Amino acid sequence: MAPVPPQRLKTPILLGGERADQVAERLGELGMNVRVVANVIGVASAIKMCRSIMIKGLEALTTECLSTARQYHAEDEVLASLHESFPQMGWDDTLPHYLISRVAEHGRRRSEEMKEVAKTSRDVDVVPNMSLAIVDAQKGLVDAMRDADIGYPSLEPFDWPNLIDTLYGSPVARESAI
């Protein structure tokens, strides 16, 4: 339910199935952080898949929002507005760097994961509009980086404005915005 580093064995794991309690007990003895969420198979996976819609979607939205805002010299105002609306999230600090860095570093794998999330939604007759958009957004940034011959390691320490300027050029003032 989270990146393995830095928590390693303490990374949260959800379990489901008829023998989930037995498995949880054994894995707990090994020091793993497991929690049984259902006695049927599929619920733990569904939790992870549904969470991915939100987390990977937030990353995709942030990447598109700030890439566009930067081109209009509007990123400071956009971030201030987001911070005003959601002060606890960290829009005025490291959150934008973190969210965009996740796409830059893992976008290809995450886009593939989101294809599976879309299938999960379709399996229960939910139209996966956002999941499919997230596939394109996650893949889009890493494709642009590939086309520009930019590898993630060359971006460290990560700074989202530098990446966006490298991909799309320095921000250009636009007189006819909106």
N, C-alpha and C. Protein backbone atom coordinates (compact mmCIF):
# COMPACT_ATOMS: atom_id res chain seq x y z
N MET A 1 0.81 -1.21 0.00
CA MET A 1 0.00 0.00 0.00
C MET A 1 0.85 1.26 0.00
N ALA A 2 2.17 1.13 -0.13
CA ALA A 2 3.08 2.28 -0.13
C ALA A 2 4.39 1.83 -0.75
N PRO A 3 5.25 2.78 -1.11
CA PRO A 3 6.57 2.37 -1.61
C PRO A 3 7.31 1.54 -0.57
N VAL A 4 8.01 0.53 -1.00
CA VAL A 4 8.74 -0.34 -0.07
C VAL A 4 9.86 0.42 0.63
N PRO A 5 10.74 1.13 -0.09
CA PRO A 5 11.68 1.97 0.65
C PRO A 5 10.93 3.19 1.18
N PRO A 6 11.13 3.66 2.32
CA PRO A 6 12.13 3.28 3.29
C PRO A 6 11.63 2.28 4.34
N GLN A 7 10.34 1.92 4.29
CA GLN A 7 9.75 1.11 5.36
C GLN A 7 10.15 -0.37 5.30
N ARG A 8 10.48 -0.84 4.13
CA ARG A 8 10.88 -2.23 3.90
C ARG A 8 9.83 -3.20 4.47
N LEU A 9 10.17 -4.02 5.45
CA LEU A 9 9.22 -5.01 5.98
C LEU A 9 8.00 -4.36 6.63
N LYS A 10 8.11 -3.12 7.00
CA LYS A 10 6.99 -2.42 7.66
C LYS A 10 6.02 -1.78 6.66
N THR A 11 6.29 -1.95 5.36
CA THR A 11 5.37 -1.43 4.34
C THR A 11 4.02 -2.11 4.51
N PRO A 12 2.94 -1.35 4.58
CA PRO A 12 1.61 -1.95 4.79
C PRO A 12 1.21 -2.90 3.65
N ILE A 13 0.70 -4.07 4.05
CA ILE A 13 0.23 -5.08 3.10
C ILE A 13 -1.18 -5.47 3.52
N LEU A 14 -2.11 -5.47 2.56
CA LEU A 14 -3.47 -5.92 2.82
C LEU A 14 -3.63 -7.35 2.33
N LEU A 15 -4.36 -8.13 3.09
CA LEU A 15 -4.59 -9.53 2.74
C LEU A 15 -6.08 -9.83 2.69
N GLY A 16 -6.43 -10.76 1.84
CA GLY A 16 -7.80 -11.24 1.76
C GLY A 16 -7.80 -12.69 1.33
N GLY A 17 -8.85 -13.39 1.66
CA GLY A 17 -8.99 -14.79 1.29
C GLY A 17 -9.32 -15.64 2.50
N GLU A 18 -9.67 -16.89 2.22
CA GLU A 18 -10.10 -17.80 3.29
C GLU A 18 -9.02 -18.03 4.34
N ARG A 19 -7.76 -18.01 3.94
CA ARG A 19 -6.65 -18.28 4.87
C ARG A 19 -5.87 -17.01 5.21
N ALA A 20 -6.46 -15.87 4.98
CA ALA A 20 -5.75 -14.60 5.21
C ALA A 20 -5.29 -14.45 6.65
N ASP A 21 -6.11 -14.88 7.60
CA ASP A 21 -5.71 -14.76 9.01
C ASP A 21 -4.46 -15.58 9.31
N GLN A 22 -4.39 -16.79 8.76
CA GLN A 22 -3.22 -17.64 8.96
C GLN A 22 -1.98 -17.03 8.32
N VAL A 23 -2.14 -16.53 7.11
CA VAL A 23 -1.02 -15.92 6.40
C VAL A 23 -0.56 -14.67 7.16
N ALA A 24 -1.51 -13.87 7.63
CA ALA A 24 -1.17 -12.65 8.36
C ALA A 24 -0.37 -12.98 9.63
N GLU A 25 -0.79 -14.02 10.31
CA GLU A 25 -0.09 -14.41 11.53
C GLU A 25 1.36 -14.79 11.23
N ARG A 26 1.57 -15.57 10.21
CA ARG A 26 2.94 -16.01 9.86
C ARG A 26 3.79 -14.85 9.37
N LEU A 27 3.21 -14.00 8.52
CA LEU A 27 3.98 -12.86 8.03
C LEU A 27 4.25 -11.87 9.15
N GLY A 28 3.31 -11.72 10.08
CA GLY A 28 3.52 -10.85 11.24
C GLY A 28 4.68 -11.34 12.10
N GLU A 29 4.80 -12.66 12.23
CA GLU A 29 5.92 -13.22 13.00
C GLU A 29 7.27 -12.88 12.36
N LEU A 30 7.26 -12.63 11.05
CA LEU A 30 8.49 -12.26 10.34
C LEU A 30 8.74 -10.75 10.40
N GLY A 31 7.85 -10.04 11.07
CA GLY A 31 8.02 -8.60 11.21
C GLY A 31 7.34 -7.77 10.14
N MET A 32 6.50 -8.42 9.31
CA MET A 32 5.82 -7.68 8.25
C MET A 32 4.56 -7.01 8.79
N ASN A 33 4.19 -5.93 8.14
CA ASN A 33 3.05 -5.11 8.53
C ASN A 33 1.84 -5.52 7.67
N VAL A 34 1.10 -6.51 8.13
CA VAL A 34 -0.02 -7.02 7.34
C VAL A 34 -1.33 -6.80 8.08
N ARG A 35 -2.38 -6.65 7.27
CA ARG A 35 -3.70 -6.46 7.84
C ARG A 35 -4.70 -7.21 6.97
N VAL A 36 -5.54 -8.01 7.59
CA VAL A 36 -6.59 -8.73 6.89
C VAL A 36 -7.75 -7.78 6.68
N VAL A 37 -8.21 -7.67 5.42
CA VAL A 37 -9.32 -6.76 5.12
C VAL A 37 -10.57 -7.50 4.66
N ALA A 38 -10.44 -8.80 4.35
CA ALA A 38 -11.60 -9.56 3.89
C ALA A 38 -11.30 -11.05 3.97
N ASN A 39 -12.36 -11.84 4.02
CA ASN A 39 -12.16 -13.29 4.01
C ASN A 39 -12.40 -13.87 2.61
N VAL A 40 -12.54 -12.98 1.64
CA VAL A 40 -12.68 -13.42 0.24
C VAL A 40 -11.56 -12.79 -0.59
N ILE A 41 -11.21 -13.48 -1.64
CA ILE A 41 -10.16 -12.98 -2.54
C ILE A 41 -10.72 -11.84 -3.38
N GLY A 42 -9.92 -10.81 -3.57
CA GLY A 42 -10.27 -9.72 -4.47
C GLY A 42 -10.45 -8.38 -3.79
N VAL A 43 -10.87 -8.38 -2.53
CA VAL A 43 -11.13 -7.12 -1.85
C VAL A 43 -9.83 -6.35 -1.62
N ALA A 44 -8.79 -7.02 -1.16
CA ALA A 44 -7.50 -6.34 -0.93
C ALA A 44 -6.98 -5.74 -2.23
N SER A 45 -7.06 -6.48 -3.31
CA SER A 45 -6.62 -5.96 -4.61
C SER A 45 -7.48 -4.79 -5.05
N ALA A 46 -8.78 -4.88 -4.82
CA ALA A 46 -9.67 -3.79 -5.20
C ALA A 46 -9.34 -2.51 -4.43
N ILE A 47 -8.99 -2.65 -3.15
CA ILE A 47 -8.60 -1.49 -2.36
C ILE A 47 -7.38 -0.81 -2.99
N LYS A 48 -6.39 -1.61 -3.32
CA LYS A 48 -5.17 -1.08 -3.95
C LYS A 48 -5.49 -0.43 -5.29
N MET A 49 -6.32 -1.08 -6.10
CA MET A 49 -6.67 -0.55 -7.42
C MET A 49 -7.44 0.76 -7.30
N CYS A 50 -8.42 0.81 -6.42
CA CYS A 50 -9.21 2.03 -6.25
C CYS A 50 -8.36 3.17 -5.71
N ARG A 51 -7.48 2.86 -4.79
CA ARG A 51 -6.56 3.88 -4.26
C ARG A 51 -5.68 4.43 -5.39
N SER A 52 -5.28 3.56 -6.30
CA SER A 52 -4.42 3.99 -7.41
C SER A 52 -5.11 5.03 -8.30
N ILE A 53 -6.42 4.91 -8.46
CA ILE A 53 -7.14 5.91 -9.25
C ILE A 53 -6.89 7.28 -8.65
N MET A 54 -6.99 7.39 -7.35
CA MET A 54 -6.82 8.68 -6.68
C MET A 54 -5.35 9.13 -6.68
N ILE A 55 -4.45 8.26 -6.26
CA ILE A 55 -3.04 8.65 -6.11
C ILE A 55 -2.40 8.95 -7.46
N LYS A 56 -2.51 8.03 -8.40
CA LYS A 56 -1.90 8.23 -9.71
C LYS A 56 -2.63 9.32 -10.50
N GLY A 57 -3.92 9.49 -10.20
CA GLY A 57 -4.67 10.57 -10.81
C GLY A 57 -4.21 11.93 -10.30
N LEU A 58 -3.96 12.03 -9.01
CA LEU A 58 -3.46 13.28 -8.45
C LEU A 58 -2.10 13.63 -9.05
N GLU A 59 -1.26 12.62 -9.23
CA GLU A 59 0.03 12.85 -9.88
C GLU A 59 -0.16 13.35 -11.30
N ALA A 60 -1.04 12.70 -12.05
CA ALA A 60 -1.28 13.09 -13.44
C ALA A 60 -1.87 14.49 -13.53
N LEU A 61 -2.84 14.79 -12.68
CA LEU A 61 -3.44 16.12 -12.66
C LEU A 61 -2.41 17.20 -12.32
N THR A 62 -1.58 16.92 -11.35
CA THR A 62 -0.56 17.89 -10.95
C THR A 62 0.42 18.14 -12.09
N THR A 63 0.83 17.08 -12.76
CA THR A 63 1.77 17.21 -13.88
C THR A 63 1.18 18.07 -14.98
N GLU A 64 -0.05 17.78 -15.38
CA GLU A 64 -0.68 18.57 -16.45
C GLU A 64 -0.96 20.00 -16.00
N CYS A 65 -1.48 20.15 -14.80
CA CYS A 65 -1.82 21.47 -14.28
C CYS A 65 -0.59 22.38 -14.24
N LEU A 66 0.48 21.91 -13.61
CA LEU A 66 1.64 22.77 -13.43
C LEU A 66 2.46 22.93 -14.70
N SER A 67 2.44 21.94 -15.58
CA SER A 67 3.12 22.09 -16.87
C SER A 67 2.46 23.20 -17.67
N THR A 68 1.14 23.22 -17.66
CA THR A 68 0.40 24.26 -18.38
C THR A 68 0.56 25.61 -17.68
N ALA A 69 0.40 25.64 -16.37
CA ALA A 69 0.51 26.89 -15.63
C ALA A 69 1.88 27.53 -15.83
N ARG A 70 2.91 26.71 -15.87
CA ARG A 70 4.27 27.24 -16.05
C ARG A 70 4.40 27.95 -17.39
N GLN A 71 3.77 27.44 -18.41
CA GLN A 71 3.87 28.06 -19.73
C GLN A 71 3.20 29.43 -19.77
N TYR A 72 2.30 29.69 -18.84
CA TYR A 72 1.62 30.98 -18.75
C TYR A 72 2.15 31.84 -17.61
N HIS A 73 3.27 31.45 -17.01
CA HIS A 73 3.82 32.15 -15.84
C HIS A 73 2.79 32.22 -14.72
N ALA A 74 1.97 31.23 -14.60
CA ALA A 74 0.88 31.24 -13.63
C ALA A 74 1.07 30.24 -12.49
N GLU A 75 2.20 29.52 -12.48
CA GLU A 75 2.35 28.44 -11.50
C GLU A 75 2.35 28.93 -10.06
N ASP A 76 2.93 30.09 -9.78
CA ASP A 76 2.95 30.58 -8.40
C ASP A 76 1.54 30.86 -7.90
N GLU A 77 0.74 31.49 -8.74
CA GLU A 77 -0.65 31.79 -8.35
C GLU A 77 -1.49 30.51 -8.24
N VAL A 78 -1.27 29.58 -9.16
CA VAL A 78 -2.01 28.31 -9.10
C VAL A 78 -1.67 27.57 -7.81
N LEU A 79 -0.38 27.48 -7.51
CA LEU A 79 0.03 26.79 -6.28
C LEU A 79 -0.48 27.50 -5.03
N ALA A 80 -0.47 28.83 -5.04
CA ALA A 80 -1.00 29.57 -3.89
C ALA A 80 -2.49 29.30 -3.72
N SER A 81 -3.21 29.23 -4.83
CA SER A 81 -4.65 28.94 -4.77
C SER A 81 -4.90 27.52 -4.26
N LEU A 82 -4.11 26.56 -4.74
CA LEU A 82 -4.26 25.19 -4.27
C LEU A 82 -3.94 25.11 -2.77
N HIS A 83 -2.92 25.84 -2.35
CA HIS A 83 -2.57 25.84 -0.93
C HIS A 83 -3.69 26.47 -0.09
N GLU A 84 -4.30 27.51 -0.62
CA GLU A 84 -5.42 28.15 0.08
C GLU A 84 -6.58 27.18 0.26
N SER A 85 -6.85 26.40 -0.79
CA SER A 85 -7.96 25.44 -0.74
C SER A 85 -7.64 24.20 0.09
N PHE A 86 -6.39 23.75 0.03
CA PHE A 86 -5.98 22.52 0.72
C PHE A 86 -4.66 22.76 1.45
N PRO A 87 -4.64 23.58 2.51
CA PRO A 87 -3.38 23.95 3.16
C PRO A 87 -2.62 22.78 3.77
N GLN A 88 -3.31 21.74 4.16
CA GLN A 88 -2.65 20.61 4.81
C GLN A 88 -1.89 19.71 3.84
N MET A 89 -2.09 19.88 2.54
CA MET A 89 -1.47 18.97 1.57
C MET A 89 -0.02 19.31 1.23
N GLY A 90 0.38 20.55 1.37
CA GLY A 90 1.76 20.91 1.07
C GLY A 90 1.99 21.46 -0.32
N TRP A 91 0.95 22.09 -0.88
CA TRP A 91 1.11 22.68 -2.22
C TRP A 91 2.15 23.79 -2.23
N ASP A 92 2.42 24.38 -1.08
CA ASP A 92 3.40 25.45 -0.98
C ASP A 92 4.78 24.94 -0.60
N ASP A 93 4.95 23.63 -0.64
CA ASP A 93 6.22 23.04 -0.21
C ASP A 93 6.68 21.99 -1.22
N THR A 94 6.85 20.78 -0.80
CA THR A 94 7.46 19.74 -1.65
C THR A 94 6.45 18.89 -2.41
N LEU A 95 5.16 19.00 -2.12
CA LEU A 95 4.19 18.12 -2.76
C LEU A 95 4.25 18.16 -4.29
N PRO A 96 4.28 19.33 -4.94
CA PRO A 96 4.34 19.32 -6.41
C PRO A 96 5.58 18.59 -6.94
N HIS A 97 6.72 18.81 -6.31
CA HIS A 97 7.94 18.12 -6.74
C HIS A 97 7.78 16.61 -6.59
N TYR A 98 7.24 16.21 -5.45
CA TYR A 98 7.07 14.78 -5.19
C TYR A 98 6.12 14.13 -6.21
N LEU A 99 4.96 14.73 -6.41
CA LEU A 99 3.97 14.12 -7.30
C LEU A 99 4.48 14.03 -8.73
N ILE A 100 5.10 15.09 -9.23
CA ILE A 100 5.59 15.07 -10.60
C ILE A 100 6.81 14.15 -10.72
N SER A 101 7.63 14.08 -9.68
CA SER A 101 8.78 13.17 -9.73
C SER A 101 8.34 11.72 -9.82
N ARG A 102 7.22 11.38 -9.19
CA ARG A 102 6.72 10.00 -9.24
C ARG A 102 6.34 9.62 -10.67
N VAL A 103 5.75 10.57 -11.39
CA VAL A 103 5.41 10.32 -12.80
C VAL A 103 6.69 10.21 -13.62
N ALA A 104 7.61 11.15 -13.41
CA ALA A 104 8.86 11.15 -14.18
C ALA A 104 9.65 9.86 -13.97
N GLU A 105 9.65 9.36 -12.76
CA GLU A 105 10.44 8.17 -12.44
C GLU A 105 9.72 6.87 -12.77
N HIS A 106 8.40 6.81 -12.54
CA HIS A 106 7.68 5.54 -12.64
C HIS A 106 6.50 5.57 -13.60
N GLY A 107 6.39 6.60 -14.42
CA GLY A 107 5.21 6.77 -15.27
C GLY A 107 4.91 5.60 -16.20
N ARG A 108 5.93 5.00 -16.77
CA ARG A 108 5.68 3.88 -17.69
C ARG A 108 5.03 2.71 -16.96
N ARG A 109 5.62 2.31 -15.84
CA ARG A 109 5.05 1.19 -15.06
C ARG A 109 3.67 1.55 -14.53
N ARG A 110 3.51 2.77 -14.08
CA ARG A 110 2.24 3.19 -13.53
C ARG A 110 1.15 3.25 -14.59
N SER A 111 1.51 3.61 -15.81
CA SER A 111 0.51 3.62 -16.87
C SER A 111 0.03 2.19 -17.15
N GLU A 112 0.93 1.24 -17.08
CA GLU A 112 0.54 -0.16 -17.26
C GLU A 112 -0.35 -0.62 -16.11
N GLU A 113 -0.02 -0.23 -14.90
CA GLU A 113 -0.86 -0.57 -13.75
C GLU A 113 -2.26 0.01 -13.91
N MET A 114 -2.34 1.23 -14.43
CA MET A 114 -3.64 1.87 -14.58
C MET A 114 -4.49 1.20 -15.66
N LYS A 115 -3.87 0.55 -16.61
CA LYS A 115 -4.64 -0.26 -17.57
C LYS A 115 -5.35 -1.39 -16.84
N GLU A 116 -4.67 -1.97 -15.87
CA GLU A 116 -5.28 -3.03 -15.06
C GLU A 116 -6.38 -2.47 -14.16
N VAL A 117 -6.18 -1.27 -13.66
CA VAL A 117 -7.21 -0.62 -12.86
C VAL A 117 -8.45 -0.39 -13.72
N ALA A 118 -8.25 0.08 -14.95
CA ALA A 118 -9.39 0.29 -15.86
C ALA A 118 -10.15 -1.01 -16.09
N LYS A 119 -9.41 -2.10 -16.25
CA LYS A 119 -10.05 -3.40 -16.42
C LYS A 119 -10.84 -3.78 -15.16
N THR A 120 -10.28 -3.50 -14.00
CA THR A 120 -10.96 -3.78 -12.74
C THR A 120 -12.28 -3.02 -12.67
N SER A 121 -12.28 -1.77 -13.08
CA SER A 121 -13.52 -0.98 -13.09
C SER A 121 -14.52 -1.56 -14.08
N ARG A 122 -14.05 -1.87 -15.28
CA ARG A 122 -14.95 -2.44 -16.29
C ARG A 122 -15.56 -3.76 -15.83
N ASP A 123 -14.80 -4.54 -15.06
CA ASP A 123 -15.29 -5.84 -14.58
C ASP A 123 -16.55 -5.70 -13.72
N VAL A 124 -16.75 -4.53 -13.14
CA VAL A 124 -17.95 -4.30 -12.33
C VAL A 124 -18.84 -3.23 -12.97
N ASP A 125 -18.69 -3.08 -14.28
CA ASP A 125 -19.53 -2.18 -15.09
C ASP A 125 -19.39 -0.70 -14.76
N VAL A 126 -18.25 -0.30 -14.21
CA VAL A 126 -17.95 1.12 -14.01
C VAL A 126 -17.10 1.57 -15.18
N VAL A 127 -17.50 2.66 -15.82
CA VAL A 127 -16.75 3.18 -16.96
C VAL A 127 -15.49 3.86 -16.43
N PRO A 128 -14.30 3.41 -16.87
CA PRO A 128 -13.04 3.91 -16.30
C PRO A 128 -12.49 5.16 -17.00
N ASN A 129 -13.30 6.18 -17.12
CA ASN A 129 -12.86 7.39 -17.82
C ASN A 129 -11.56 7.96 -17.25
N MET A 130 -11.52 8.17 -15.96
CA MET A 130 -10.33 8.76 -15.35
C MET A 130 -9.14 7.82 -15.40
N SER A 131 -9.36 6.55 -15.17
CA SER A 131 -8.25 5.60 -15.20
C SER A 131 -7.58 5.59 -16.57
N LEU A 132 -8.37 5.64 -17.63
CA LEU A 132 -7.80 5.66 -18.97
C LEU A 132 -7.07 6.97 -19.25
N ALA A 133 -7.59 8.07 -18.74
CA ALA A 133 -6.89 9.35 -18.90
C ALA A 133 -5.56 9.32 -18.14
N ILE A 134 -5.55 8.69 -16.98
CA ILE A 134 -4.32 8.58 -16.19
C ILE A 134 -3.28 7.76 -16.93
N VAL A 135 -3.71 6.70 -17.63
CA VAL A 135 -2.79 5.91 -18.45
C VAL A 135 -2.04 6.84 -19.40
N ASP A 136 -2.79 7.66 -20.13
CA ASP A 136 -2.19 8.55 -21.12
C ASP A 136 -1.31 9.61 -20.47
N ALA A 137 -1.75 10.17 -19.35
CA ALA A 137 -0.98 11.22 -18.70
C ALA A 137 0.33 10.69 -18.12
N GLN A 138 0.27 9.56 -17.46
CA GLN A 138 1.49 8.98 -16.88
C GLN A 138 2.49 8.63 -17.98
N LYS A 139 1.99 7.99 -19.02
CA LYS A 139 2.84 7.60 -20.14
C LYS A 139 3.33 8.81 -20.92
N GLY A 140 2.49 9.84 -21.02
CA GLY A 140 2.85 11.02 -21.81
C GLY A 140 4.10 11.71 -21.32
N LEU A 141 4.24 11.88 -20.01
CA LEU A 141 5.43 12.56 -19.50
C LEU A 141 6.68 11.75 -19.77
N VAL A 142 6.64 10.45 -19.51
CA VAL A 142 7.85 9.65 -19.72
C VAL A 142 8.17 9.52 -21.21
N ASP A 143 7.15 9.52 -22.06
CA ASP A 143 7.41 9.51 -23.51
C ASP A 143 8.08 10.81 -23.94
N ALA A 144 7.61 11.94 -23.40
CA ALA A 144 8.23 13.23 -23.71
C ALA A 144 9.68 13.26 -23.22
N MET A 145 9.92 12.70 -22.05
CA MET A 145 11.28 12.63 -21.53
C MET A 145 12.15 11.75 -22.43
N ARG A 146 11.62 10.62 -22.85
CA ARG A 146 12.37 9.73 -23.75
C ARG A 146 12.70 10.45 -25.05
N ASP A 147 11.70 11.11 -25.63
CA ASP A 147 11.91 11.83 -26.89
C ASP A 147 12.96 12.93 -26.76
N ALA A 148 13.07 13.51 -25.56
CA ALA A 148 14.06 14.57 -25.31
C ALA A 148 15.37 13.99 -24.78
N ASP A 149 15.46 12.66 -24.73
CA ASP A 149 16.66 11.96 -24.24
C ASP A 149 17.01 12.37 -22.81
N ILE A 150 15.97 12.41 -21.97
CA ILE A 150 16.15 12.76 -20.56
C ILE A 150 15.87 11.52 -19.73
N GLY A 151 16.86 11.06 -18.98
CA GLY A 151 16.67 9.95 -18.05
C GLY A 151 16.42 10.50 -16.66
N TYR A 152 15.62 9.81 -15.90
CA TYR A 152 15.29 10.31 -14.56
C TYR A 152 16.53 10.58 -13.70
N PRO A 153 17.54 9.69 -13.70
CA PRO A 153 18.71 9.96 -12.85
C PRO A 153 19.37 11.32 -13.12
N SER A 154 19.28 11.81 -14.35
CA SER A 154 19.89 13.11 -14.67
C SER A 154 19.10 14.27 -14.06
N LEU A 155 17.91 14.00 -13.54
CA LEU A 155 17.07 15.05 -12.97
C LEU A 155 17.27 15.24 -11.47
N GLU A 156 18.06 14.38 -10.86
CA GLU A 156 18.23 14.45 -9.41
C GLU A 156 19.27 15.49 -9.04
N PRO A 157 19.04 16.35 -8.06
CA PRO A 157 17.81 16.42 -7.28
C PRO A 157 16.66 16.95 -8.15
N PHE A 158 15.50 16.35 -7.98
CA PHE A 158 14.37 16.64 -8.86
C PHE A 158 13.80 18.02 -8.58
N ASP A 159 13.54 18.76 -9.64
CA ASP A 159 12.93 20.08 -9.57
C ASP A 159 11.97 20.17 -10.75
N TRP A 160 10.67 20.15 -10.47
CA TRP A 160 9.70 20.05 -11.56
C TRP A 160 9.80 21.20 -12.56
N PRO A 161 10.01 22.47 -12.15
CA PRO A 161 10.10 23.52 -13.18
C PRO A 161 11.25 23.29 -14.17
N ASN A 162 12.36 22.76 -13.68
CA ASN A 162 13.48 22.48 -14.59
C ASN A 162 13.10 21.43 -15.62
N LEU A 163 12.41 20.39 -15.20
CA LEU A 163 11.98 19.36 -16.14
C LEU A 163 11.01 19.95 -17.17
N ILE A 164 10.04 20.70 -16.71
CA ILE A 164 9.04 21.26 -17.61
C ILE A 164 9.69 22.24 -18.59
N ASP A 165 10.62 23.06 -18.10
CA ASP A 165 11.32 23.99 -19.00
C ASP A 165 12.14 23.24 -20.03
N THR A 166 12.76 22.14 -19.64
CA THR A 166 13.55 21.35 -20.57
C THR A 166 12.66 20.71 -21.63
N LEU A 167 11.49 20.23 -21.22
CA LEU A 167 10.60 19.56 -22.17
C LEU A 167 9.87 20.53 -23.09
N TYR A 168 9.39 21.64 -22.53
CA TYR A 168 8.50 22.52 -23.28
C TYR A 168 9.10 23.89 -23.57
N GLY A 169 10.32 24.11 -23.14
CA GLY A 169 10.93 25.42 -23.32
C GLY A 169 10.60 26.33 -22.16
N SER A 170 11.31 27.40 -22.08
CA SER A 170 11.06 28.37 -21.01
C SER A 170 9.66 28.94 -21.18
N PRO A 171 9.05 29.30 -20.08
CA PRO A 171 7.69 29.84 -20.15
C PRO A 171 7.64 31.06 -21.07
N VAL A 172 6.59 31.13 -21.84
CA VAL A 172 6.38 32.24 -22.76
C VAL A 172 5.12 32.98 -22.31
N ALA A 173 5.26 34.28 -22.16
CA ALA A 173 4.10 35.07 -21.78
C ALA A 173 3.05 34.97 -22.89
N ARG A 174 1.84 34.75 -22.52
CA ARG A 174 0.76 34.61 -23.48
C ARG A 174 -0.25 35.72 -23.23
N GLU A 175 -0.43 36.56 -24.22
CA GLU A 175 -1.35 37.69 -24.11
C GLU A 175 -2.80 37.24 -24.19
N SER A 176 -3.06 36.17 -24.94
CA SER A 176 -4.45 35.77 -25.17
C SER A 176 -4.81 34.51 -24.40
N ALA A 177 -4.43 34.49 -23.13
CA ALA A 177 -4.76 33.32 -22.30
C ALA A 177 -6.28 33.22 -22.12
N ILE A 178 -6.75 32.00 -22.20
CA ILE A 178 -8.15 31.66 -22.02
C ILE A 178 -8.98 32.41 -22.93
